[in-house]
Amino acid sequence: MMTSIKVFTLIILSILLINCGDSSAKKSLSVKTNGSKNIFSIDDTLKLSINNPKGVKINTVSYTLNGNDIDQSQYLGNAKLGIQDIVAKVSTEDSEEIINQKITILNNRQPKIYSYKVLNEYPHDITSYTQGLEFYNGTLYESTGQYRESKLRKIDYTTGEVLININLSDQYFAEGLTALNNKVYQLTWQENIGFVYDAESLEKKSSFNYGKSKEGWGLCNDNETIYKSDGTEKIWLLNPKTLAEKSYIQVYTNKGKIIEINEMEYFNGKIYANRYQKNGVAIINPENGAVEGVIDFSPLRKLVKQHDGLDVLNGIAYNPATKTIFVTGKRWNKLFEVEIFEK
């Protein structure tokens, strides 16, 4: 005759075995998509189902894409590009299961090719390692990089005269800038800090730390949102009042992601972005991250003074007064005013 302890032990073991069996069955559930390797184009329709190899009884299923409710069959035309998160809530007989699945969404067409025409050439400080360039209230602002060389400047672009110069402390490597609401915002590279200045005097007013974006590369704004690049394919959307990162887009073509997004400018509803170590500019849709066009500025590098410190194109600014684009590069002796057009 079994003792009460043995009976109790057998009951506990039986319960554990049953529960393990149920858990194993439920863990076998997964989200199935109709995309090859879970890759989609933005003009595709996403179709979802639950892969249920062990025949668990399912009562209800609901899906979200990046936190937004979607149907089992969902057109992706309004989705953001890049790696996105699908979450399925699966209600079984006695519990609710949460199942995650990542998908990749690409653009549905290749970027258009643009060319340019040089309208004017202006002098530019050949010692400036240009990281940010922007017009604000008719004045050109420039941020330059390198440790022990970083600066913030107001410039008369027609003559190259430096109107105001602010030197950063030696421990900072300055990066992109943007101007909004009578303030200038300037990033540093790996120091995880940005600075806010008065746009008129360039007096430093405050500083801000980064969030999930670990580095500072480029900045621009659309008068309501500040966009920040961090060297990856991500462009972060910042609240201009708090400078907190609200969300991000991922820069993708019809083939895949574009990394090392650098200095940026916003105009005509698009983000124009330099790429690190490239002499071109990508035209990006700020709503979904799609690269809609590319401009090859490589020939411009041959038009500046050739010297040992010469580096790539970096610096793009739209002048609302002339409705033209201005570009320069790292340690270039010229600033070019250009007009772009589709080939």
C-alpha atoms as a PDB file:
ATOM      1  CA  MET A   1       0.000   0.000   0.000  1.00  0.00           C
ATOM      2  CA  MET A   2       1.399   3.359  -1.016  1.00  0.00           C
ATOM      3  CA  THR A   3       2.089   5.930   1.596  1.00  0.00           C
ATOM      4  CA  SER A   4       0.314   9.265   1.335  1.00  0.00           C
ATOM      5  CA  ILE A   5       3.652  10.936   0.488  1.00  0.00           C
ATOM      6  CA  LYS A   6       4.178   8.594  -2.496  1.00  0.00           C
ATOM      7  CA  VAL A   7       0.614   9.176  -3.744  1.00  0.00           C
ATOM      8  CA  PHE A   8       1.075  12.930  -3.445  1.00  0.00           C
ATOM      9  CA  THR A   9       4.399  12.749  -5.320  1.00  0.00           C
ATOM     10  CA  LEU A  10       2.831  10.755  -8.170  1.00  0.00           C
ATOM     11  CA  ILE A  11      -0.018  13.267  -8.481  1.00  0.00           C
ATOM     12  CA  ILE A  12       2.452  16.195  -8.680  1.00  0.00           C
ATOM     13  CA  LEU A  13       4.554  14.397 -11.307  1.00  0.00           C
ATOM     14  CA  SER A  14       1.452  13.657 -13.369  1.00  0.00           C
ATOM     15  CA  ILE A  15       0.385  17.302 -13.273  1.00  0.00           C
ATOM     16  CA  LEU A  16       3.865  18.428 -14.313  1.00  0.00           C
ATOM     17  CA  LEU A  17       3.924  15.981 -17.224  1.00  0.00           C
ATOM     18  CA  ILE A  18       0.506  17.131 -18.427  1.00  0.00           C
ATOM     19  CA  ASN A  19       1.464  20.801 -18.131  1.00  0.00           C
ATOM     20  CA  CYS A  20       4.757  20.228 -19.957  1.00  0.00           C
ATOM     21  CA  GLY A  21       2.876  18.534 -22.747  1.00  0.00           C
ATOM     22  CA  ASP A  22       0.438  21.431 -23.079  1.00  0.00           C
ATOM     23  CA  SER A  23       3.236  23.996 -22.967  1.00  0.00           C
ATOM     24  CA  SER A  24       5.144  22.171 -25.676  1.00  0.00           C
ATOM     25  CA  ALA A  25       2.081  22.083 -27.896  1.00  0.00           C
ATOM     26  CA  LYS A  26       1.406  25.767 -27.475  1.00  0.00           C
ATOM     27  CA  LYS A  27       5.030  26.696 -28.080  1.00  0.00           C
ATOM     28  CA  SER A  28       4.818  24.947 -31.426  1.00  0.00           C
ATOM     29  CA  LEU A  29       2.497  27.685 -32.664  1.00  0.00           C
ATOM     30  CA  SER A  30       4.050  30.217 -35.045  1.00  0.00           C
ATOM     31  CA  VAL A  31       2.999  32.959 -37.434  1.00  0.00           C
ATOM     32  CA  LYS A  32       3.046  31.995 -41.086  1.00  0.00           C
ATOM     33  CA  THR A  33       3.210  34.626 -43.858  1.00  0.00           C
ATOM     34  CA  ASN A  34       2.835  34.413 -47.613  1.00  0.00           C
ATOM     35  CA  GLY A  35       6.215  36.090 -48.235  1.00  0.00           C
ATOM     36  CA  SER A  36       9.295  34.219 -49.391  1.00  0.00           C
ATOM     37  CA  LYS A  37      11.694  34.426 -46.418  1.00  0.00           C
ATOM     38  CA  ASN A  38       9.142  36.872 -44.925  1.00  0.00           C
ATOM     39  CA  ILE A  39      10.191  39.588 -47.396  1.00  0.00           C
ATOM     40  CA  PHE A  40       7.570  41.840 -49.000  1.00  0.00           C
ATOM     41  CA  SER A  41       7.272  44.795 -51.329  1.00  0.00           C
ATOM     42  CA  ILE A  42       5.260  47.794 -50.198  1.00  0.00           C
ATOM     43  CA  ASP A  43       2.643  47.066 -52.879  1.00  0.00           C
ATOM     44  CA  ASP A  44       2.125  43.486 -51.681  1.00  0.00           C
ATOM     45  CA  THR A  45      -0.762  42.153 -49.626  1.00  0.00           C
ATOM     46  CA  LEU A  46       0.388  40.454 -46.436  1.00  0.00           C
ATOM     47  CA  LYS A  47      -1.500  37.280 -45.606  1.00  0.00           C
ATOM     48  CA  LEU A  48      -1.201  35.758 -42.144  1.00  0.00           C
ATOM     49  CA  SER A  49      -2.096  32.443 -40.567  1.00  0.00           C
ATOM     50  CA  ILE A  50      -1.097  30.382 -37.556  1.00  0.00           C
ATOM     51  CA  ASN A  51       1.100  27.372 -38.110  1.00  0.00           C
ATOM     52  CA  ASN A  52      -0.332  24.749 -35.736  1.00  0.00           C
ATOM     53  CA  PRO A  53       1.467  21.414 -36.273  1.00  0.00           C
ATOM     54  CA  LYS A  54       0.188  19.818 -33.037  1.00  0.00           C
ATOM     55  CA  GLY A  55      -3.457  20.715 -33.607  1.00  0.00           C
ATOM     56  CA  VAL A  56      -3.949  22.913 -30.539  1.00  0.00           C
ATOM     57  CA  LYS A  57      -7.557  24.077 -30.359  1.00  0.00           C
ATOM     58  CA  ILE A  58      -7.591  27.790 -31.245  1.00  0.00           C
ATOM     59  CA  ASN A  59     -10.541  30.004 -30.388  1.00  0.00           C
ATOM     60  CA  THR A  60      -9.529  33.437 -31.726  1.00  0.00           C
ATOM     61  CA  VAL A  61      -6.522  35.142 -33.343  1.00  0.00           C
ATOM     62  CA  SER A  62      -5.744  38.867 -33.667  1.00  0.00           C
ATOM     63  CA  TYR A  63      -2.741  40.533 -35.307  1.00  0.00           C
ATOM     64  CA  THR A  64      -0.851  43.811 -34.968  1.00  0.00           C
ATOM     65  CA  LEU A  65       1.859  45.340 -37.143  1.00  0.00           C
ATOM     66  CA  ASN A  66       4.121  47.596 -35.083  1.00  0.00           C
ATOM     67  CA  GLY A  67       1.369  47.895 -32.488  1.00  0.00           C
ATOM     68  CA  ASN A  68      -1.419  48.723 -34.937  1.00  0.00           C
ATOM     69  CA  ASP A  69      -4.288  46.301 -35.480  1.00  0.00           C
ATOM     70  CA  ILE A  70      -4.287  44.647 -38.897  1.00  0.00           C
ATOM     71  CA  ASP A  71      -6.432  42.090 -40.671  1.00  0.00           C
ATOM     72  CA  GLN A  72      -5.408  38.577 -41.576  1.00  0.00           C
ATOM     73  CA  SER A  73      -5.043  39.915 -45.109  1.00  0.00           C
ATOM     74  CA  GLN A  74      -3.451  43.371 -45.132  1.00  0.00           C
ATOM     75  CA  TYR A  75      -2.321  45.634 -48.006  1.00  0.00           C
ATOM     76  CA  LEU A  76       1.090  47.098 -47.107  1.00  0.00           C
ATOM     77  CA  GLY A  77       0.852  50.315 -49.115  1.00  0.00           C
ATOM     78  CA  ASN A  78       0.884  52.559 -46.040  1.00  0.00           C
ATOM     79  CA  ALA A  79       3.461  50.596 -44.049  1.00  0.00           C
ATOM     80  CA  LYS A  80       6.952  51.760 -43.121  1.00  0.00           C
ATOM     81  CA  LEU A  81       9.836  50.026 -44.832  1.00  0.00           C
ATOM     82  CA  GLY A  82      12.452  47.828 -43.217  1.00  0.00           C
ATOM     83  CA  ILE A  83      12.234  45.205 -40.508  1.00  0.00           C
ATOM     84  CA  GLN A  84       8.792  45.331 -38.894  1.00  0.00           C
ATOM     85  CA  ASP A  85       7.182  43.401 -36.037  1.00  0.00           C
ATOM     86  CA  ILE A  86       4.042  41.298 -36.284  1.00  0.00           C
ATOM     87  CA  VAL A  87       2.443  40.132 -33.040  1.00  0.00           C
ATOM     88  CA  ALA A  88      -0.290  37.509 -32.977  1.00  0.00           C
ATOM     89  CA  LYS A  89      -2.529  37.064 -29.912  1.00  0.00           C
ATOM     90  CA  VAL A  90      -3.794  33.507 -29.986  1.00  0.00           C
ATOM     91  CA  SER A  91      -6.589  32.466 -27.636  1.00  0.00           C
ATOM     92  CA  THR A  92      -6.600  28.729 -26.909  1.00  0.00           C
ATOM     93  CA  GLU A  93      -8.892  26.715 -24.658  1.00  0.00           C
ATOM     94  CA  ASP A  94      -7.259  27.767 -21.429  1.00  0.00           C
ATOM     95  CA  SER A  95      -4.765  30.546 -22.144  1.00  0.00           C
ATOM     96  CA  GLU A  96      -3.639  33.324 -24.441  1.00  0.00           C
ATOM     97  CA  GLU A  97      -0.415  32.988 -26.399  1.00  0.00           C
ATOM     98  CA  ILE A  98       1.677  35.888 -27.760  1.00  0.00           C
ATOM     99  CA  ILE A  99       3.626  35.000 -30.917  1.00  0.00           C
ATOM    100  CA  ASN A 100       6.133  37.320 -32.596  1.00  0.00           C
ATOM    101  CA  GLN A 101       7.271  37.358 -36.207  1.00  0.00           C
ATOM    102  CA  LYS A 102       9.494  39.818 -38.070  1.00  0.00           C
ATOM    103  CA  ILE A 103       9.010  40.718 -41.711  1.00  0.00           C
ATOM    104  CA  THR A 104      11.031  42.920 -44.076  1.00  0.00           C
ATOM    105  CA  ILE A 105       9.251  45.441 -46.301  1.00  0.00           C
ATOM    106  CA  LEU A 106      11.053  46.823 -49.367  1.00  0.00           C
ATOM    107  CA  ASN A 107      10.179  49.671 -51.697  1.00  0.00           C
ATOM    108  CA  ASN A 108       8.311  48.683 -54.862  1.00  0.00           C
ATOM    109  CA  ARG A 109      10.516  50.485 -57.377  1.00  0.00           C
ATOM    110  CA  GLN A 110      14.152  51.379 -57.870  1.00  0.00           C
ATOM    111  CA  PRO A 111      15.291  54.959 -57.141  1.00  0.00           C
ATOM    112  CA  LYS A 112      15.063  57.544 -59.897  1.00  0.00           C
ATOM    113  CA  ILE A 113      18.363  58.939 -61.155  1.00  0.00           C
ATOM    114  CA  TYR A 114      18.908  62.700 -60.896  1.00  0.00           C
ATOM    115  CA  SER A 115      21.610  64.911 -62.293  1.00  0.00           C
ATOM    116  CA  TYR A 116      22.555  68.523 -61.579  1.00  0.00           C
ATOM    117  CA  LYS A 117      23.700  71.791 -63.092  1.00  0.00           C
ATOM    118  CA  VAL A 118      26.185  74.076 -61.343  1.00  0.00           C
ATOM    119  CA  LEU A 119      24.759  77.590 -61.107  1.00  0.00           C
ATOM    120  CA  ASN A 120      27.436  79.306 -58.999  1.00  0.00           C
ATOM    121  CA  GLU A 121      30.615  78.648 -57.050  1.00  0.00           C
ATOM    122  CA  TYR A 122      31.456  80.379 -53.764  1.00  0.00           C
ATOM    123  CA  PRO A 123      34.526  80.291 -51.496  1.00  0.00           C
ATOM    124  CA  HIS A 124      34.593  77.794 -48.641  1.00  0.00           C
ATOM    125  CA  ASP A 125      37.119  77.382 -45.817  1.00  0.00           C
ATOM    126  CA  ILE A 126      39.424  74.602 -46.986  1.00  0.00           C
ATOM    127  CA  THR A 127      40.232  73.661 -43.365  1.00  0.00           C
ATOM    128  CA  SER A 128      36.579  72.973 -42.500  1.00  0.00           C
ATOM    129  CA  TYR A 129      35.709  69.302 -42.077  1.00  0.00           C
ATOM    130  CA  THR A 130      32.065  69.931 -42.963  1.00  0.00           C
ATOM    131  CA  GLN A 131      29.501  67.855 -41.057  1.00  0.00           C
ATOM    132  CA  GLY A 132      26.372  69.998 -41.190  1.00  0.00           C
ATOM    133  CA  LEU A 133      25.123  72.779 -43.443  1.00  0.00           C
ATOM    134  CA  GLU A 134      21.843  74.700 -43.319  1.00  0.00           C
ATOM    135  CA  PHE A 135      20.290  78.041 -44.254  1.00  0.00           C
ATOM    136  CA  TYR A 136      18.175  79.783 -41.629  1.00  0.00           C
ATOM    137  CA  ASN A 137      16.744  83.300 -41.915  1.00  0.00           C
ATOM    138  CA  GLY A 138      18.969  83.961 -44.920  1.00  0.00           C
ATOM    139  CA  THR A 139      22.223  82.967 -43.196  1.00  0.00           C
ATOM    140  CA  LEU A 140      24.313  79.840 -43.759  1.00  0.00           C
ATOM    141  CA  TYR A 141      25.163  77.804 -40.653  1.00  0.00           C
ATOM    142  CA  GLU A 142      27.935  75.207 -40.671  1.00  0.00           C
ATOM    143  CA  SER A 143      29.075  72.541 -38.222  1.00  0.00           C
ATOM    144  CA  THR A 144      32.577  71.120 -38.660  1.00  0.00           C
ATOM    145  CA  GLY A 145      34.075  67.996 -37.149  1.00  0.00           C
ATOM    146  CA  GLN A 146      37.269  66.333 -35.908  1.00  0.00           C
ATOM    147  CA  TYR A 147      38.507  66.363 -32.318  1.00  0.00           C
ATOM    148  CA  ARG A 148      40.195  69.648 -31.383  1.00  0.00           C
ATOM    149  CA  GLU A 149      38.865  71.215 -34.612  1.00  0.00           C
ATOM    150  CA  SER A 150      35.080  71.159 -34.182  1.00  0.00           C
ATOM    151  CA  LYS A 151      33.196  74.425 -34.683  1.00  0.00           C
ATOM    152  CA  LEU A 152      29.787  76.012 -35.166  1.00  0.00           C
ATOM    153  CA  ARG A 153      29.669  78.953 -37.558  1.00  0.00           C
ATOM    154  CA  LYS A 154      27.460  81.590 -39.147  1.00  0.00           C
ATOM    155  CA  ILE A 155      28.748  82.391 -42.618  1.00  0.00           C
ATOM    156  CA  ASP A 156      28.159  84.897 -45.394  1.00  0.00           C
ATOM    157  CA  TYR A 157      28.078  82.271 -48.106  1.00  0.00           C
ATOM    158  CA  THR A 158      28.645  84.752 -50.946  1.00  0.00           C
ATOM    159  CA  THR A 159      32.079  85.750 -49.626  1.00  0.00           C
ATOM    160  CA  GLY A 160      32.938  82.896 -47.272  1.00  0.00           C
ATOM    161  CA  GLU A 161      33.306  85.389 -44.400  1.00  0.00           C
ATOM    162  CA  VAL A 162      32.798  83.837 -40.973  1.00  0.00           C
ATOM    163  CA  LEU A 163      30.334  86.050 -39.112  1.00  0.00           C
ATOM    164  CA  ILE A 164      30.408  84.165 -35.789  1.00  0.00           C
ATOM    165  CA  ASN A 165      32.627  81.234 -34.818  1.00  0.00           C
ATOM    166  CA  ILE A 166      32.188  78.979 -31.782  1.00  0.00           C
ATOM    167  CA  ASN A 167      34.904  76.425 -30.985  1.00  0.00           C
ATOM    168  CA  LEU A 168      33.790  73.254 -29.232  1.00  0.00           C
ATOM    169  CA  SER A 169      35.816  71.734 -26.407  1.00  0.00           C
ATOM    170  CA  ASP A 170      38.558  69.352 -27.522  1.00  0.00           C
ATOM    171  CA  GLN A 171      36.686  66.238 -26.322  1.00  0.00           C
ATOM    172  CA  TYR A 172      33.843  66.760 -28.810  1.00  0.00           C
ATOM    173  CA  PHE A 173      33.640  65.682 -32.451  1.00  0.00           C
ATOM    174  CA  ALA A 174      30.859  67.818 -33.927  1.00  0.00           C
ATOM    175  CA  GLU A 175      28.435  66.379 -36.479  1.00  0.00           C
ATOM    176  CA  GLY A 176      25.201  67.566 -38.113  1.00  0.00           C
ATOM    177  CA  LEU A 177      23.089  70.607 -37.310  1.00  0.00           C
ATOM    178  CA  THR A 178      19.636  72.028 -37.926  1.00  0.00           C
ATOM    179  CA  ALA A 179      17.864  75.276 -37.046  1.00  0.00           C
ATOM    180  CA  LEU A 180      14.293  75.679 -35.826  1.00  0.00           C
ATOM    181  CA  ASN A 181      12.350  78.190 -33.711  1.00  0.00           C
ATOM    182  CA  ASN A 182      15.336  80.539 -33.383  1.00  0.00           C
ATOM    183  CA  LYS A 183      17.527  77.737 -32.089  1.00  0.00           C
ATOM    184  CA  VAL A 184      20.403  75.799 -33.631  1.00  0.00           C
ATOM    185  CA  TYR A 185      20.798  72.142 -32.717  1.00  0.00           C
ATOM    186  CA  GLN A 186      24.218  70.518 -33.115  1.00  0.00           C
ATOM    187  CA  LEU A 187      25.179  66.878 -32.650  1.00  0.00           C
ATOM    188  CA  THR A 188      28.378  65.269 -31.467  1.00  0.00           C
ATOM    189  CA  TRP A 189      29.524  61.951 -32.851  1.00  0.00           C
ATOM    190  CA  GLN A 190      30.154  59.416 -30.056  1.00  0.00           C
ATOM    191  CA  GLU A 191      29.825  61.626 -27.008  1.00  0.00           C
ATOM    192  CA  ASN A 192      26.049  60.954 -26.756  1.00  0.00           C
ATOM    193  CA  ILE A 193      25.279  64.642 -26.392  1.00  0.00           C
ATOM    194  CA  GLY A 194      23.874  67.453 -28.513  1.00  0.00           C
ATOM    195  CA  PHE A 195      23.928  71.207 -27.953  1.00  0.00           C
ATOM    196  CA  VAL A 196      21.272  73.893 -28.372  1.00  0.00           C
ATOM    197  CA  TYR A 197      22.293  77.461 -29.274  1.00  0.00           C
ATOM    198  CA  ASP A 198      20.581  80.779 -29.804  1.00  0.00           C
ATOM    199  CA  ALA A 199      20.340  81.124 -33.589  1.00  0.00           C
ATOM    200  CA  GLU A 200      21.252  84.825 -33.576  1.00  0.00           C
ATOM    201  CA  SER A 201      24.206  84.948 -31.182  1.00  0.00           C
ATOM    202  CA  LEU A 202      25.225  81.239 -31.123  1.00  0.00           C
ATOM    203  CA  GLU A 203      25.216  81.436 -27.336  1.00  0.00           C
ATOM    204  CA  LYS A 204      24.893  77.934 -25.947  1.00  0.00           C
ATOM    205  CA  LYS A 205      21.555  77.506 -24.167  1.00  0.00           C
ATOM    206  CA  SER A 206      21.339  73.843 -23.218  1.00  0.00           C
ATOM    207  CA  SER A 207      22.316  70.299 -24.107  1.00  0.00           C
ATOM    208  CA  PHE A 208      20.497  67.011 -24.610  1.00  0.00           C
ATOM    209  CA  ASN A 209      21.356  63.333 -24.450  1.00  0.00           C
ATOM    210  CA  TYR A 210      20.519  60.722 -27.074  1.00  0.00           C
ATOM    211  CA  GLY A 211      18.093  57.879 -26.479  1.00  0.00           C
ATOM    212  CA  LYS A 212      18.356  54.580 -28.307  1.00  0.00           C
ATOM    213  CA  SER A 213      20.349  56.179 -31.111  1.00  0.00           C
ATOM    214  CA  LYS A 214      23.880  55.684 -29.855  1.00  0.00           C
ATOM    215  CA  GLU A 215      25.672  58.088 -32.200  1.00  0.00           C
ATOM    216  CA  GLY A 216      25.018  61.492 -33.746  1.00  0.00           C
ATOM    217  CA  TRP A 217      25.468  61.928 -37.513  1.00  0.00           C
ATOM    218  CA  GLY A 218      22.981  64.220 -39.258  1.00  0.00           C
ATOM    219  CA  LEU A 219      20.048  66.519 -38.447  1.00  0.00           C
ATOM    220  CA  CYS A 220      17.254  68.242 -40.365  1.00  0.00           C
ATOM    221  CA  ASN A 221      13.670  69.329 -39.691  1.00  0.00           C
ATOM    222  CA  ASP A 222      10.299  69.890 -41.382  1.00  0.00           C
ATOM    223  CA  ASN A 223       9.275  72.723 -39.002  1.00  0.00           C
ATOM    224  CA  GLU A 224       7.444  70.229 -36.787  1.00  0.00           C
ATOM    225  CA  THR A 225       9.766  67.259 -36.325  1.00  0.00           C
ATOM    226  CA  ILE A 226      13.568  66.994 -36.070  1.00  0.00           C
ATOM    227  CA  TYR A 227      15.103  64.065 -37.944  1.00  0.00           C
ATOM    228  CA  LYS A 228      18.331  62.506 -36.643  1.00  0.00           C
ATOM    229  CA  SER A 229      20.580  59.950 -38.340  1.00  0.00           C
ATOM    230  CA  ASP A 230      22.885  57.727 -36.304  1.00  0.00           C
ATOM    231  CA  GLY A 231      25.095  55.969 -38.862  1.00  0.00           C
ATOM    232  CA  THR A 232      22.749  53.051 -39.432  1.00  0.00           C
ATOM    233  CA  GLU A 233      19.743  52.734 -41.735  1.00  0.00           C
ATOM    234  CA  LYS A 234      17.595  54.409 -39.086  1.00  0.00           C
ATOM    235  CA  ILE A 235      16.439  58.019 -39.060  1.00  0.00           C
ATOM    236  CA  TRP A 236      14.960  58.997 -35.694  1.00  0.00           C
ATOM    237  CA  LEU A 237      12.056  61.404 -35.252  1.00  0.00           C
ATOM    238  CA  LEU A 238      12.631  63.800 -32.352  1.00  0.00           C
ATOM    239  CA  ASN A 239      10.156  65.984 -30.498  1.00  0.00           C
ATOM    240  CA  PRO A 240      11.587  69.514 -31.002  1.00  0.00           C
ATOM    241  CA  LYS A 241      10.485  70.619 -27.529  1.00  0.00           C
ATOM    242  CA  THR A 242      11.890  67.727 -25.518  1.00  0.00           C
ATOM    243  CA  LEU A 243      14.324  66.275 -28.130  1.00  0.00           C
ATOM    244  CA  ALA A 244      13.097  62.828 -27.115  1.00  0.00           C
ATOM    245  CA  GLU A 245      13.099  60.137 -29.806  1.00  0.00           C
ATOM    246  CA  LYS A 246       9.472  59.430 -30.714  1.00  0.00           C
ATOM    247  CA  SER A 247      10.015  56.768 -33.380  1.00  0.00           C
ATOM    248  CA  TYR A 248      12.144  56.040 -36.429  1.00  0.00           C
ATOM    249  CA  ILE A 249      12.027  55.159 -40.092  1.00  0.00           C
ATOM    250  CA  GLN A 250      14.401  52.768 -41.846  1.00  0.00           C
ATOM    251  CA  VAL A 251      15.979  53.750 -45.165  1.00  0.00           C
ATOM    252  CA  TYR A 252      15.364  51.059 -47.785  1.00  0.00           C
ATOM    253  CA  THR A 253      15.353  50.679 -51.555  1.00  0.00           C
ATOM    254  CA  ASN A 254      13.675  47.922 -53.555  1.00  0.00           C
ATOM    255  CA  LYS A 255      16.770  45.781 -52.847  1.00  0.00           C
ATOM    256  CA  GLY A 256      17.535  46.319 -49.179  1.00  0.00           C
ATOM    257  CA  LYS A 257      18.655  48.754 -46.516  1.00  0.00           C
ATOM    258  CA  ILE A 258      20.914  51.775 -46.985  1.00  0.00           C
ATOM    259  CA  ILE A 259      23.215  52.318 -44.023  1.00  0.00           C
ATOM    260  CA  GLU A 260      25.485  55.179 -42.921  1.00  0.00           C
ATOM    261  CA  ILE A 261      22.971  57.951 -43.549  1.00  0.00           C
ATOM    262  CA  ASN A 262      24.921  61.086 -42.752  1.00  0.00           C
ATOM    263  CA  GLU A 263      24.259  64.831 -43.185  1.00  0.00           C
ATOM    264  CA  MET A 264      20.645  65.629 -44.075  1.00  0.00           C
ATOM    265  CA  GLU A 265      18.434  68.419 -45.389  1.00  0.00           C
ATOM    266  CA  TYR A 266      14.626  68.578 -45.572  1.00  0.00           C
ATOM    267  CA  PHE A 267      12.805  70.440 -48.329  1.00  0.00           C
ATOM    268  CA  ASN A 268       9.921  69.930 -50.734  1.00  0.00           C
ATOM    269  CA  GLY A 269       8.594  67.163 -48.513  1.00  0.00           C
ATOM    270  CA  LYS A 270      11.677  64.916 -48.784  1.00  0.00           C
ATOM    271  CA  ILE A 271      14.873  64.235 -46.844  1.00  0.00           C
ATOM    272  CA  TYR A 272      18.057  64.711 -48.880  1.00  0.00           C
ATOM    273  CA  ALA A 273      20.873  62.749 -47.253  1.00  0.00           C
ATOM    274  CA  ASN A 274      24.583  62.335 -47.795  1.00  0.00           C
ATOM    275  CA  ARG A 275      25.980  58.853 -47.291  1.00  0.00           C
ATOM    276  CA  TYR A 276      29.236  58.365 -45.426  1.00  0.00           C
ATOM    277  CA  GLN A 277      32.236  58.056 -47.747  1.00  0.00           C
ATOM    278  CA  LYS A 278      30.012  58.539 -50.806  1.00  0.00           C
ATOM    279  CA  ASN A 279      29.843  61.525 -53.151  1.00  0.00           C
ATOM    280  CA  GLY A 280      26.125  61.211 -53.677  1.00  0.00           C
ATOM    281  CA  VAL A 281      22.806  62.123 -52.091  1.00  0.00           C
ATOM    282  CA  ALA A 282      19.759  59.930 -51.472  1.00  0.00           C
ATOM    283  CA  ILE A 283      16.254  61.407 -51.702  1.00  0.00           C
ATOM    284  CA  ILE A 284      14.181  59.779 -48.943  1.00  0.00           C
ATOM    285  CA  ASN A 285      10.458  59.690 -48.273  1.00  0.00           C
ATOM    286  CA  PRO A 286      10.145  60.725 -44.580  1.00  0.00           C
ATOM    287  CA  GLU A 287       6.850  58.864 -44.192  1.00  0.00           C
ATOM    288  CA  ASN A 288       8.131  55.347 -44.892  1.00  0.00           C
ATOM    289  CA  GLY A 289      11.914  55.533 -45.449  1.00  0.00           C
ATOM    290  CA  ALA A 290      11.833  54.750 -49.184  1.00  0.00           C
ATOM    291  CA  VAL A 291      14.785  55.937 -51.277  1.00  0.00           C
ATOM    292  CA  GLU A 292      12.970  57.577 -54.169  1.00  0.00           C
ATOM    293  CA  GLY A 293      15.956  59.086 -55.956  1.00  0.00           C
ATOM    294  CA  VAL A 294      19.740  59.418 -56.005  1.00  0.00           C
ATOM    295  CA  ILE A 295      22.017  62.245 -57.131  1.00  0.00           C
ATOM    296  CA  ASP A 296      25.636  61.543 -58.094  1.00  0.00           C
ATOM    297  CA  PHE A 297      27.758  64.579 -57.231  1.00  0.00           C
ATOM    298  CA  SER A 298      31.088  62.785 -57.815  1.00  0.00           C
ATOM    299  CA  PRO A 299      32.280  65.187 -60.578  1.00  0.00           C
ATOM    300  CA  LEU A 300      32.201  68.127 -58.152  1.00  0.00           C
ATOM    301  CA  ARG A 301      35.160  66.752 -56.220  1.00  0.00           C
ATOM    302  CA  LYS A 302      37.351  67.287 -59.294  1.00  0.00           C
ATOM    303  CA  LEU A 303      36.418  70.977 -59.366  1.00  0.00           C
ATOM    304  CA  VAL A 304      37.912  71.799 -55.946  1.00  0.00           C
ATOM    305  CA  LYS A 305      41.547  72.205 -54.963  1.00  0.00           C
ATOM    306  CA  GLN A 306      43.222  68.799 -54.781  1.00  0.00           C
ATOM    307  CA  HIS A 307      45.253  68.325 -51.589  1.00  0.00           C
ATOM    308  CA  ASP A 308      46.223  65.639 -49.078  1.00  0.00           C
ATOM    309  CA  GLY A 309      43.379  66.419 -46.676  1.00  0.00           C
ATOM    310  CA  LEU A 310      40.655  66.447 -49.317  1.00  0.00           C
ATOM    311  CA  ASP A 311      37.708  64.226 -48.386  1.00  0.00           C
ATOM    312  CA  VAL A 312      34.249  63.335 -49.686  1.00  0.00           C
ATOM    313  CA  LEU A 313      31.140  65.393 -50.361  1.00  0.00           C
ATOM    314  CA  ASN A 314      29.349  66.191 -47.104  1.00  0.00           C
ATOM    315  CA  GLY A 315      27.066  69.142 -46.594  1.00  0.00           C
ATOM    316  CA  ILE A 316      23.777  69.903 -48.303  1.00  0.00           C
ATOM    317  CA  ALA A 317      21.569  72.939 -47.685  1.00  0.00           C
ATOM    318  CA  TYR A 318      18.441  74.300 -49.353  1.00  0.00           C
ATOM    319  CA  ASN A 319      18.200  78.072 -49.652  1.00  0.00           C
ATOM    320  CA  PRO A 320      14.521  79.129 -49.629  1.00  0.00           C
ATOM    321  CA  ALA A 321      15.467  82.577 -50.959  1.00  0.00           C
ATOM    322  CA  THR A 322      16.989  81.219 -54.177  1.00  0.00           C
ATOM    323  CA  LYS A 323      15.104  77.883 -54.200  1.00  0.00           C
ATOM    324  CA  THR A 324      18.397  76.159 -54.996  1.00  0.00           C
ATOM    325  CA  ILE A 325      20.621  73.598 -53.305  1.00  0.00           C
ATOM    326  CA  PHE A 326      24.112  74.256 -51.946  1.00  0.00           C
ATOM    327  CA  VAL A 327      26.649  71.468 -51.474  1.00  0.00           C
ATOM    328  CA  THR A 328      30.238  71.217 -50.332  1.00  0.00           C
ATOM    329  CA  GLY A 329      32.583  68.635 -48.853  1.00  0.00           C
ATOM    330  CA  LYS A 330      35.105  67.941 -46.131  1.00  0.00           C
ATOM    331  CA  ARG A 331      38.019  70.321 -46.608  1.00  0.00           C
ATOM    332  CA  TRP A 332      36.687  71.624 -49.918  1.00  0.00           C
ATOM    333  CA  ASN A 333      37.629  75.154 -50.951  1.00  0.00           C
ATOM    334  CA  LYS A 334      34.330  75.687 -52.788  1.00  0.00           C
ATOM    335  CA  LEU A 335      30.620  75.786 -52.051  1.00  0.00           C
ATOM    336  CA  PHE A 336      28.477  74.915 -55.078  1.00  0.00           C
ATOM    337  CA  GLU A 337      25.007  76.232 -55.820  1.00  0.00           C
ATOM    338  CA  VAL A 338      23.235  73.667 -57.979  1.00  0.00           C
ATOM    339  CA  GLU A 339      19.966  72.887 -59.636  1.00  0.00           C
ATOM    340  CA  ILE A 340      18.879  69.247 -59.793  1.00  0.00           C
ATOM    341  CA  PHE A 341      16.716  67.518 -62.369  1.00  0.00           C
ATOM    342  CA  GLU A 342      15.572  64.016 -63.165  1.00  0.00           C
ATOM    343  CA  LYS A 343      17.482  62.288 -65.941  1.00  0.00           C
END
